[in-house]
PDB file of N, CA and C in Angstrom:
ATOM      1  N   UNK A   1       0.849  -1.133   0.110  1.00  0.00           N
ATOM      2  CA  UNK A   1       0.081  -0.025  -0.216  1.00  0.00           C
ATOM      3  C   UNK A   1       0.894   1.168   0.044  1.00  0.00           C
ATOM      4  N   UNK A   2       0.241   2.316  -0.262  1.00  0.00           N
ATOM      5  CA  UNK A   2       0.784   3.582  -0.367  1.00  0.00           C
ATOM      6  C   UNK A   2       1.415   4.106   0.930  1.00  0.00           C
ATOM      7  N   UNK A   3       2.281   4.829   1.255  1.00  0.00           N
ATOM      8  CA  UNK A   3       2.792   5.699   2.264  1.00  0.00           C
ATOM      9  C   UNK A   3       2.170   6.996   2.020  1.00  0.00           C
ATOM     10  N   UNK A   4       1.523   7.694   2.719  1.00  0.00           N
ATOM     11  CA  UNK A   4       1.062   9.220   2.190  1.00  0.00           C
ATOM     12  C   UNK A   4       1.996  10.110   2.941  1.00  0.00           C
ATOM     13  N   UNK A   5       2.521  11.200   2.174  1.00  0.00           N
ATOM     14  CA  UNK A   5       3.235  12.262   2.767  1.00  0.00           C
ATOM     15  C   UNK A   5       2.386  13.082   3.850  1.00  0.00           C
ATOM     16  N   UNK A   6       3.385  13.722   4.830  1.00  0.00           N
ATOM     17  CA  UNK A   6       2.673  14.421   5.911  1.00  0.00           C
ATOM     18  C   UNK A   6       2.129  15.899   5.297  1.00  0.00           C
ATOM     19  N   UNK A   7       2.813  16.522   4.203  1.00  0.00           N
ATOM     20  CA  UNK A   7       2.812  17.602   3.708  1.00  0.00           C
ATOM     21  C   UNK A   7       2.319  17.506   2.527  1.00  0.00           C
ATOM     22  N   UNK A   8       1.203  17.854   2.120  1.00  0.00           N
ATOM     23  CA  UNK A   8       0.296  17.858   0.817  1.00  0.00           C
ATOM     24  C   UNK A   8       0.787  19.004  -0.124  1.00  0.00           C
ATOM     25  N   UNK A   9       1.416  18.873  -1.419  1.00  0.00           N
ATOM     26  CA  UNK A   9       1.867  19.908  -2.185  1.00  0.00           C
ATOM     27  C   UNK A   9       0.818  20.510  -2.973  1.00  0.00           C
ATOM     28  N   UNK A  10      -0.282  19.557  -3.236  1.00  0.00           N
ATOM     29  CA  UNK A  10      -1.204  20.294  -3.965  1.00  0.00           C
ATOM     30  C   UNK A  10      -2.592  19.438  -3.646  1.00  0.00           C
ATOM     31  N   UNK A  11      -3.695  20.338  -3.480  1.00  0.00           N
ATOM     32  CA  UNK A  11      -5.063  20.466  -3.054  1.00  0.00           C
ATOM     33  C   UNK A  11      -5.810  20.431  -4.281  1.00  0.00           C
ATOM     34  N   UNK A  12      -6.953  19.381  -4.161  1.00  0.00           N
ATOM     35  CA  UNK A  12      -7.907  19.655  -5.513  1.00  0.00           C
ATOM     36  C   UNK A  12      -9.214  19.877  -4.859  1.00  0.00           C
ATOM     37  N   UNK A  13      -9.922  20.653  -5.059  1.00  0.00           N
ATOM     38  CA  UNK A  13     -11.222  20.793  -4.550  1.00  0.00           C
ATOM     39  C   UNK A  13     -12.534  20.067  -5.119  1.00  0.00           C
ATOM     40  N   UNK A  14     -13.098  19.237  -4.373  1.00  0.00           N
ATOM     41  CA  UNK A  14     -14.374  18.042  -4.708  1.00  0.00           C
ATOM     42  C   UNK A  14     -15.162  18.161  -3.890  1.00  0.00           C
ATOM     43  N   UNK A  15     -16.303  18.855  -4.400  1.00  0.00           N
ATOM     44  CA  UNK A  15     -17.401  19.257  -3.517  1.00  0.00           C
ATOM     45  C   UNK A  15     -18.663  18.452  -4.153  1.00  0.00           C
ATOM     46  N   UNK A  16     -18.427  17.439  -5.182  1.00  0.00           N
ATOM     47  CA  UNK A  16     -19.504  16.671  -5.685  1.00  0.00           C
ATOM     48  C   UNK A  16     -18.714  15.256  -6.245  1.00  0.00           C
ATOM     49  N   UNK A  17     -19.483  14.347  -6.227  1.00  0.00           N
ATOM     50  CA  UNK A  17     -18.937  13.015  -6.813  1.00  0.00           C
ATOM     51  C   UNK A  17     -18.465  13.281  -8.274  1.00  0.00           C
ATOM     52  N   UNK A  18     -19.052  13.857  -9.010  1.00  0.00           N
ATOM     53  CA  UNK A  18     -18.670  14.092 -10.326  1.00  0.00           C
ATOM     54  C   UNK A  18     -17.296  14.742 -10.456  1.00  0.00           C
ATOM     55  N   UNK A  19     -16.988  15.927  -9.606  1.00  0.00           N
ATOM     56  CA  UNK A  19     -15.919  16.567  -9.558  1.00  0.00           C
ATOM     57  C   UNK A  19     -14.509  15.769  -8.835  1.00  0.00           C
ATOM     58  N   UNK A  20     -15.218  14.648  -8.059  1.00  0.00           N
ATOM     59  CA  UNK A  20     -14.026  14.042  -7.541  1.00  0.00           C
ATOM     60  C   UNK A  20     -13.549  12.909  -8.534  1.00  0.00           C
ATOM     61  N   UNK A  21     -14.565  12.291  -9.288  1.00  0.00           N
ATOM     62  CA  UNK A  21     -14.348  11.287 -10.525  1.00  0.00           C
ATOM     63  C   UNK A  21     -13.412  12.129 -11.587  1.00  0.00           C
ATOM     64  N   UNK A  22     -13.718  13.308 -11.821  1.00  0.00           N
ATOM     65  CA  UNK A  22     -12.809  14.167 -12.551  1.00  0.00           C
ATOM     66  C   UNK A  22     -11.422  14.430 -12.442  1.00  0.00           C
ATOM     67  N   UNK A  23     -11.396  14.337 -11.086  1.00  0.00           N
ATOM     68  CA  UNK A  23      -9.910  14.666 -10.689  1.00  0.00           C
ATOM     69  C   UNK A  23      -9.538  13.231 -10.548  1.00  0.00           C
ATOM     70  N   UNK A  24      -9.974  12.277 -10.317  1.00  0.00           N
ATOM     71  CA  UNK A  24      -9.455  10.784 -10.326  1.00  0.00           C
ATOM     72  C   UNK A  24      -8.944  10.404 -11.599  1.00  0.00           C
ATOM     73  N   UNK A  25      -9.756  10.823 -12.541  1.00  0.00           N
ATOM     74  CA  UNK A  25      -9.498  10.438 -13.992  1.00  0.00           C
ATOM     75  C   UNK A  25      -8.347  11.124 -14.451  1.00  0.00           C
ATOM     76  N   UNK A  26      -8.164  12.381 -13.819  1.00  0.00           N
ATOM     77  CA  UNK A  26      -7.205  13.419 -14.343  1.00  0.00           C
ATOM     78  C   UNK A  26      -5.614  12.869 -13.790  1.00  0.00           C
ATOM     79  N   UNK A  27      -5.571  12.236 -12.576  1.00  0.00           N
ATOM     80  CA  UNK A  27      -4.699  11.716 -11.965  1.00  0.00           C
ATOM     81  C   UNK A  27      -4.279  10.408 -12.551  1.00  0.00           C
ATOM     82  N   UNK A  28      -5.157   9.633 -12.849  1.00  0.00           N
ATOM     83  CA  UNK A  28      -4.871   8.390 -13.472  1.00  0.00           C
ATOM     84  C   UNK A  28      -4.171   8.768 -14.702  1.00  0.00           C
ATOM     85  N   UNK A  29      -4.578   9.753 -15.676  1.00  0.00           N
ATOM     86  CA  UNK A  29      -4.065   9.971 -17.243  1.00  0.00           C
ATOM     87  C   UNK A  29      -2.565  10.613 -16.557  1.00  0.00           C
ATOM     88  N   UNK A  30      -2.547  11.267 -15.560  1.00  0.00           N
ATOM     89  CA  UNK A  30      -1.333  11.925 -15.341  1.00  0.00           C
ATOM     90  C   UNK A  30      -0.226  10.968 -15.121  1.00  0.00           C
ATOM     91  N   UNK A  31      -0.601   9.944 -14.175  1.00  0.00           N
ATOM     92  CA  UNK A  31       0.151   8.660 -13.787  1.00  0.00           C
ATOM     93  C   UNK A  31       0.404   7.949 -15.014  1.00  0.00           C
ATOM     94  N   UNK A  32      -0.175   8.137 -16.196  1.00  0.00           N
ATOM     95  CA  UNK A  32      -0.001   7.435 -17.460  1.00  0.00           C
ATOM     96  C   UNK A  32      -0.525   5.980 -17.351  1.00  0.00           C
ATOM     97  N   UNK A  33      -1.769   5.671 -16.752  1.00  0.00           N
ATOM     98  CA  UNK A  33      -2.287   4.461 -16.592  1.00  0.00           C
ATOM     99  C   UNK A  33      -3.708   4.378 -17.501  1.00  0.00           C
ATOM    100  N   UNK A  34      -3.633   3.290 -17.885  1.00  0.00           N
ATOM    101  CA  UNK A  34      -5.020   2.882 -18.482  1.00  0.00           C
ATOM    102  C   UNK A  34      -5.885   2.773 -17.580  1.00  0.00           C
ATOM    103  N   UNK A  35      -7.321   2.576 -18.019  1.00  0.00           N
ATOM    104  CA  UNK A  35      -8.443   2.059 -17.237  1.00  0.00           C
ATOM    105  C   UNK A  35      -8.364   0.922 -16.546  1.00  0.00           C
ATOM    106  N   UNK A  36      -7.708  -0.044 -17.427  1.00  0.00           N
ATOM    107  CA  UNK A  36      -7.624  -1.379 -17.192  1.00  0.00           C
ATOM    108  C   UNK A  36      -6.464  -1.875 -16.278  1.00  0.00           C
ATOM    109  N   UNK A  37      -5.241  -1.000 -16.396  1.00  0.00           N
ATOM    110  CA  UNK A  37      -4.090  -1.080 -15.227  1.00  0.00           C
ATOM    111  C   UNK A  37      -4.572  -0.469 -14.048  1.00  0.00           C
ATOM    112  N   UNK A  38      -5.359   0.661 -13.935  1.00  0.00           N
ATOM    113  CA  UNK A  38      -5.719   1.052 -12.575  1.00  0.00           C
ATOM    114  C   UNK A  38      -6.726   0.144 -11.984  1.00  0.00           C
ATOM    115  N   UNK A  39      -7.729  -0.313 -12.796  1.00  0.00           N
ATOM    116  CA  UNK A  39      -8.503  -1.226 -12.138  1.00  0.00           C
ATOM    117  C   UNK A  39      -7.756  -2.359 -11.687  1.00  0.00           C
ATOM    118  N   UNK A  40      -6.968  -2.897 -12.507  1.00  0.00           N
ATOM    119  CA  UNK A  40      -6.386  -4.201 -11.714  1.00  0.00           C
ATOM    120  C   UNK A  40      -5.302  -3.879 -10.560  1.00  0.00           C
ATOM    121  N   UNK A  41      -4.889  -2.490 -10.529  1.00  0.00           N
ATOM    122  CA  UNK A  41      -3.812  -2.406  -9.536  1.00  0.00           C
ATOM    123  C   UNK A  41      -4.946  -2.069  -8.095  1.00  0.00           C
ATOM    124  N   UNK A  42      -5.834  -1.538  -8.442  1.00  0.00           N
ATOM    125  CA  UNK A  42      -7.217  -1.012  -7.351  1.00  0.00           C
ATOM    126  C   UNK A  42      -7.904  -2.287  -6.915  1.00  0.00           C
ATOM    127  N   UNK A  43      -7.911  -3.172  -7.798  1.00  0.00           N
ATOM    128  CA  UNK A  43      -8.759  -4.508  -7.231  1.00  0.00           C
ATOM    129  C   UNK A  43     -10.147  -4.141  -7.589  1.00  0.00           C
ATOM    130  N   UNK A  44     -10.439  -3.449  -8.303  1.00  0.00           N
ATOM    131  CA  UNK A  44     -12.041  -3.023  -8.802  1.00  0.00           C
ATOM    132  C   UNK A  44     -12.166  -3.502 -10.414  1.00  0.00           C
ATOM    133  N   UNK A  45     -13.294  -3.508 -10.763  1.00  0.00           N
ATOM    134  CA  UNK A  45     -13.368  -4.017 -12.314  1.00  0.00           C
ATOM    135  C   UNK A  45     -13.225  -2.687 -12.888  1.00  0.00           C
ATOM    136  N   UNK A  46     -12.722  -2.973 -14.293  1.00  0.00           N
ATOM    137  CA  UNK A  46     -13.022  -1.695 -15.205  1.00  0.00           C
ATOM    138  C   UNK A  46     -13.982  -1.446 -15.707  1.00  0.00           C
ATOM    139  N   UNK A  47     -15.060  -2.137 -15.583  1.00  0.00           N
ATOM    140  CA  UNK A  47     -16.280  -1.450 -15.671  1.00  0.00           C
ATOM    141  C   UNK A  47     -17.101  -0.651 -14.535  1.00  0.00           C
ATOM    142  N   UNK A  48     -16.289  -0.745 -13.350  1.00  0.00           N
ATOM    143  CA  UNK A  48     -16.923  -0.037 -12.266  1.00  0.00           C
ATOM    144  C   UNK A  48     -15.707   1.337 -12.375  1.00  0.00           C
ATOM    145  N   UNK A  49     -14.725   1.041 -12.550  1.00  0.00           N
ATOM    146  CA  UNK A  49     -13.928   2.393 -12.942  1.00  0.00           C
ATOM    147  C   UNK A  49     -14.639   3.389 -14.134  1.00  0.00           C
ATOM    148  N   UNK A  50     -14.765   2.763 -15.224  1.00  0.00           N
ATOM    149  CA  UNK A  50     -15.774   3.408 -16.393  1.00  0.00           C
ATOM    150  C   UNK A  50     -16.891   4.071 -15.712  1.00  0.00           C
ATOM    151  N   UNK A  51     -17.595   3.432 -15.044  1.00  0.00           N
ATOM    152  CA  UNK A  51     -19.088   4.045 -14.401  1.00  0.00           C
ATOM    153  C   UNK A  51     -18.392   5.333 -13.491  1.00  0.00           C
ATOM    154  N   UNK A  52     -17.391   5.243 -12.665  1.00  0.00           N
ATOM    155  CA  UNK A  52     -16.913   6.085 -11.968  1.00  0.00           C
ATOM    156  C   UNK A  52     -16.442   7.434 -12.729  1.00  0.00           C
ATOM    157  N   UNK A  53     -15.626   7.361 -13.896  1.00  0.00           N
ATOM    158  CA  UNK A  53     -15.195   8.175 -14.459  1.00  0.00           C
ATOM    159  C   UNK A  53     -16.283   9.071 -15.395  1.00  0.00           C
ATOM    160  N   UNK A  54     -17.288   8.310 -15.746  1.00  0.00           N
ATOM    161  CA  UNK A  54     -18.180   8.674 -16.759  1.00  0.00           C
ATOM    162  C   UNK A  54     -19.409   9.438 -16.088  1.00  0.00           C
ATOM    163  N   UNK A  55     -19.861   8.579 -14.954  1.00  0.00           N
ATOM    164  CA  UNK A  55     -21.265   9.308 -14.197  1.00  0.00           C
ATOM    165  C   UNK A  55     -21.094   8.414 -13.116  1.00  0.00           C
ATOM    166  N   UNK A  56     -20.540   9.123 -11.873  1.00  0.00           N
ATOM    167  CA  UNK A  56     -20.450   8.387 -10.526  1.00  0.00           C
ATOM    168  C   UNK A  56     -21.728   8.154 -10.028  1.00  0.00           C
ATOM    169  N   UNK A  57     -21.902   6.895  -9.694  1.00  0.00           N
ATOM    170  CA  UNK A  57     -23.398   6.493  -8.970  1.00  0.00           C
ATOM    171  C   UNK A  57     -23.526   7.192  -7.543  1.00  0.00           C
ATOM    172  N   UNK A  58     -24.500   7.649  -7.204  1.00  0.00           N
ATOM    173  CA  UNK A  58     -25.122   8.230  -6.170  1.00  0.00           C
ATOM    174  C   UNK A  58     -24.734   7.667  -4.876  1.00  0.00           C
ATOM    175  N   UNK A  59     -24.737   6.163  -4.978  1.00  0.00           N
ATOM    176  CA  UNK A  59     -24.329   5.352  -3.873  1.00  0.00           C
ATOM    177  C   UNK A  59     -22.682   4.737  -4.054  1.00  0.00           C
ATOM    178  N   UNK A  60     -21.923   5.610  -4.370  1.00  0.00           N
ATOM    179  CA  UNK A  60     -20.653   5.022  -4.666  1.00  0.00           C
ATOM    180  C   UNK A  60     -20.146   4.313  -3.389  1.00  0.00           C
ATOM    181  N   UNK A  61     -19.573   3.177  -3.523  1.00  0.00           N
ATOM    182  CA  UNK A  61     -18.966   2.477  -2.582  1.00  0.00           C
ATOM    183  C   UNK A  61     -17.604   2.818  -1.925  1.00  0.00           C
ATOM    184  N   UNK A  62     -17.474   3.531  -1.024  1.00  0.00           N
ATOM    185  CA  UNK A  62     -16.482   4.242  -0.321  1.00  0.00           C
ATOM    186  C   UNK A  62     -15.229   3.303  -0.475  1.00  0.00           C
ATOM    187  N   UNK A  63     -15.414   1.975  -0.009  1.00  0.00           N
ATOM    188  CA  UNK A  63     -13.906   1.068   0.069  1.00  0.00           C
ATOM    189  C   UNK A  63     -13.225   0.900  -1.398  1.00  0.00           C
ATOM    190  N   UNK A  64     -14.188   0.907  -2.430  1.00  0.00           N
ATOM    191  CA  UNK A  64     -13.788   0.805  -3.635  1.00  0.00           C
ATOM    192  C   UNK A  64     -12.914   2.225  -3.879  1.00  0.00           C
ATOM    193  N   UNK A  65     -13.760   3.234  -3.785  1.00  0.00           N
ATOM    194  CA  UNK A  65     -13.076   4.358  -4.118  1.00  0.00           C
ATOM    195  C   UNK A  65     -11.937   4.714  -3.228  1.00  0.00           C
ATOM    196  N   UNK A  66     -11.531   4.350  -2.127  1.00  0.00           N
ATOM    197  CA  UNK A  66     -10.283   4.385  -1.339  1.00  0.00           C
ATOM    198  C   UNK A  66      -9.247   3.529  -2.053  1.00  0.00           C
ATOM    199  N   UNK A  67      -9.503   2.328  -2.459  1.00  0.00           N
ATOM    200  CA  UNK A  67      -8.468   1.595  -3.071  1.00  0.00           C
ATOM    201  C   UNK A  67      -8.030   2.078  -4.344  1.00  0.00           C
ATOM    202  N   UNK A  68      -8.898   2.725  -5.233  1.00  0.00           N
ATOM    203  CA  UNK A  68      -8.515   3.570  -6.554  1.00  0.00           C
ATOM    204  C   UNK A  68      -7.726   4.839  -6.016  1.00  0.00           C
ATOM    205  N   UNK A  69      -7.979   5.523  -5.000  1.00  0.00           N
ATOM    206  CA  UNK A  69      -7.130   6.343  -4.541  1.00  0.00           C
ATOM    207  C   UNK A  69      -5.697   6.189  -4.195  1.00  0.00           C
ATOM    208  N   UNK A  70      -5.582   4.714  -3.331  1.00  0.00           N
ATOM    209  CA  UNK A  70      -4.647   4.127  -2.944  1.00  0.00           C
ATOM    210  C   UNK A  70      -3.480   3.748  -3.974  1.00  0.00           C
ATOM    211  N   UNK A  71      -4.453   3.207  -4.943  1.00  0.00           N
ATOM    212  CA  UNK A  71      -3.613   2.667  -6.281  1.00  0.00           C
ATOM    213  C   UNK A  71      -3.147   4.009  -7.005  1.00  0.00           C
ATOM    214  N   UNK A  72      -3.525   5.063  -7.083  1.00  0.00           N
ATOM    215  CA  UNK A  72      -3.137   6.343  -7.759  1.00  0.00           C
ATOM    216  C   UNK A  72      -2.103   7.356  -6.744  1.00  0.00           C
ATOM    217  N   UNK A  73      -1.813   6.617  -5.378  1.00  0.00           N
ATOM    218  CA  UNK A  73      -1.094   7.314  -4.452  1.00  0.00           C
ATOM    219  C   UNK A  73      -1.689   8.715  -4.278  1.00  0.00           C
ATOM    220  N   UNK A  74      -2.970   8.868  -3.865  1.00  0.00           N
ATOM    221  CA  UNK A  74      -3.529   9.965  -3.629  1.00  0.00           C
ATOM    222  C   UNK A  74      -4.300   9.881  -2.349  1.00  0.00           C
ATOM    223  N   UNK A  75      -4.589  10.719  -1.616  1.00  0.00           N
ATOM    224  CA  UNK A  75      -5.379  10.835  -0.438  1.00  0.00           C
ATOM    225  C   UNK A  75      -6.552  11.385  -0.620  1.00  0.00           C
ATOM    226  N   UNK A  76      -7.565  11.247   0.089  1.00  0.00           N
ATOM    227  CA  UNK A  76      -8.988  11.936   0.521  1.00  0.00           C
ATOM    228  C   UNK A  76      -8.806  12.877   1.647  1.00  0.00           C
ATOM    229  N   UNK A  77      -8.951  14.328   1.760  1.00  0.00           N
ATOM    230  CA  UNK A  77      -8.807  14.945   2.828  1.00  0.00           C
ATOM    231  C   UNK A  77     -10.088  15.538   3.093  1.00  0.00           C
ATOM    232  N   UNK A  78     -10.404  15.690   4.438  1.00  0.00           N
ATOM    233  CA  UNK A  78     -11.750  16.520   4.759  1.00  0.00           C
ATOM    234  C   UNK A  78     -11.413  17.983   5.356  1.00  0.00           C
ATOM    235  N   UNK A  79     -11.982  19.039   4.773  1.00  0.00           N
ATOM    236  CA  UNK A  79     -11.740  20.144   5.606  1.00  0.00           C
ATOM    237  C   UNK A  79     -12.898  20.842   6.018  1.00  0.00           C
ATOM    238  N   UNK A  80     -12.813  21.482   7.334  1.00  0.00           N
ATOM    239  CA  UNK A  80     -14.020  22.047   7.787  1.00  0.00           C
ATOM    240  C   UNK A  80     -13.856  23.512   7.275  1.00  0.00           C
ATOM    241  N   UNK A  81     -15.008  23.722   6.113  1.00  0.00           N
ATOM    242  CA  UNK A  81     -15.152  24.896   5.383  1.00  0.00           C
ATOM    243  C   UNK A  81     -15.356  26.208   6.589  1.00  0.00           C
ATOM    244  N   UNK A  82     -16.137  25.518   7.748  1.00  0.00           N
ATOM    245  CA  UNK A  82     -16.546  26.672   8.851  1.00  0.00           C
ATOM    246  C   UNK A  82     -15.478  27.184   9.604  1.00  0.00           C
ATOM    247  N   UNK A  83     -14.392  26.799   9.707  1.00  0.00           N
ATOM    248  CA  UNK A  83     -13.114  27.177  10.274  1.00  0.00           C
ATOM    249  C   UNK A  83     -12.381  28.107   9.486  1.00  0.00           C
ATOM    250  N   UNK A  84     -11.790  29.142   9.888  1.00  0.00           N
ATOM    251  CA  UNK A  84     -11.347  29.985   8.883  1.00  0.00           C
ATOM    252  C   UNK A  84      -9.644  29.815   8.707  1.00  0.00           C
TER     253      UNK A  84
END
């Protein structure tokens, strides 16, 4: 599994599943991975990844999402927008 750095050099804002999926696709392309390669690395089906990248389902399974993020060597951060 990936080891995540303590200091993050780049934050990407995702306030919707659609935006999160777009950013994950951009990371996949930046890493030079095909959908099939990322799906195998993340242990998800290519069909699931295609669905995620094209139109993420409302009931997106978080466990699969986290495996894909890990395979991309990316992290999901939560920020409290009410805190200045």
